[in-house]
Amino acid sequence: MNIYAGLSLLVSYVFLLLGTYIYQKDSKEELNRVFMVFCAVLGYLAFIEFGYRQAEDFNTAYIWLKAASVWPFTIAISLHLVLIYTRKVTLLRKRIIYFLIYAPAFFFFLLDLTTDQLSGGYRREYWGWTYNIPENRLLYNINIAWSILLVVLFVSLLLLYWYKAEEPVEKQRATYVSVGVCVTAIIGIATEVALPMINIRIPELAIASLAAGIGFVVYGLWKYELFILSPTAAAEDIVVSMSNLLFLVKEDGTISLANHAALHLLGYSENELVGQPFRRVVAEHEWEKTEEYPLEREGMSNEEILFKTKDGRMIPVLLSISVIRKDKRDLGMVCVGSDLTDRKQVEEAHKKELLLKEIHHRVKNNMQIISSLLSLQSQYIRNEMYREMLKESQNRIKSMALIHEKLYQSRDLENIDSKEYIMDMVNKLVRSYGATYIAVTVEVEDVSLGVDIAVPCGLIINELASNCLKHAFPDGKGEITVVLRSVDGTIELTVADNGVGIPEDIDFRNAETFGLRLVTMLVEDQLCGTIRLARRKGTEFYITFKETK
């Protein structure tokens, strides 16, 4: 038996065991039921993969491969599972959501089953039969875009859920799920999409990695008992352990239950509050917000209310009020509150910081998108000169994007660590040109660069270092040195190499190349500095400009 086919058969059994194990934990739980369906589909696909990998001829392989056309449903079900796990209850109540999730999957399933628009025919490799990428890629690219969009969506939902999880146990669950899903998604996209598109073929590992990833997720969720928890069994623990304030208020306005968080925040014992009017813990001038809350109201009311502690202090609380009903009879209200004291103190201090971080993050993301678009476009350009121009523009954009990345990752949103930034940028340039045997030396004093200086300075270093990598070392060996220091309020920047040097008859200020002209404009016009070229032992550009306060 083909060893790769044997692996697929083993994986199909693993999916069957995982799905059965989770389903029997609580067959009434929606998460468990959908998970069982997901494992069943994956187990079926793994068995089909076993079939076509060990098929003896094209006709047999063709039948097996067409039977695998249900694969788009795995991505749709993955998103469905994530919506359940991250408790997007409101979304799951809308039928249109199910249509948006499953209708495209059904379309691509029919398309793959009845045509070769997605598979592009089949061929035999050393691991068995596999698919080709079609020559007409329109529908194939749409399918890939849809797949990646859904993967990015459910990965984003998981990471957001993990980020917002406050309870340690829930944080651990979310960590296992996020790691398992992200690793699986990366392996799947790499082996099923990225590598085939650049004509590198290896055995498809999406199904096998899913088995490993789901096994990892199941272990984490089993360890932290997600699948065996039910609302009834967990109700008391939730009330006791929840960090938010919780009050159950009877129809007559008296408190029937106050959780530990509420008692601790307000300074009361349970006996002092239970049976007392709810208005006792609310500031007098705030009581009107809750006093006549209409029990016939549907949904939930959110109000910012001042609560009064036992010693008379006022505490701002965001209070959510919801009516409890049974058999059309109003029993009272559930009041859940969050202490806003710390948040209000932090809000003003961090408002500017958060805003600036978001701006830098968005600018960096937008620049990366532009860089990626240029990279994609360059793949379709055959003229080497034009391709090189796109690559240079891409590197310029990356140098600016890196500044914004450093800024939003830094505690100081106005300045960046110049040494770390220059090292990262130059090393990325070296990698982009495949200059394995070119050494890079960066000597940077403790100089912090503001955005106004960092952007042109980064572009200057990018241009000069790129010039070195392209022209200075015909044999592919040499050294590039970047020195940045501050002397009496003046910043001195040196970019040098020990290569062949710039010919004497070339005036860099009037050079035909855009890069050197850009350097001159950035130094003299934007930084109001000076630039000097020395041609001894290679090339050395010496640039000076004043620091900005």
Foldseek 3Di string as FASTA:
>chain_A
DQVLLVLLLVLLVLLQVLLVVLCVLDVVDPLSVLSNVLSNLLSLLSNLVSQQQPDDDQVSNVVSVLVNLLVLVNLLSLLVSLCVVLVVVVLVVDPVSNCVSCVVSVVSSVPSNPDCLQQQGWDADPRGIGGAGRPPCPVNVVVVVVSVVSLVVSLVSLVVSLVPDDDPLSVQLSVLLNVLSVVLVVLQCVQPPVCNVVPHHDPRCNSVSNSVSVVSSSVSCVVSVPSNDDCVVCVVVCQAPPQWWKFWAFPVQATQDTYPNRCVVQVHDGVVRHRHGPCVFFPPVQVVVPVCPDLVDADKDWDFGWTAHPVGDTWTKTWIWHWDDDPNDTTGIMIIIDTCVVVVVVCVVCVVVVVLLVVLVVLLVVLVVVLVVLVVVLVPDDPPVVSVVSVLVSLLSNLLSLQSVQQSVDPHNFWGQVQVSLVVSLVVLCVVLVLPAEAEAEAEDRDIDGSLPSSLVSLLQSLLSNCCQVPFAPPSHWYWYWYWYDDPQKIKIKIWIQGPFDDPVDDLCPHPDPSSVSNVCSQCPRQVKDWDWDGPRHIMIIIMGGGDD
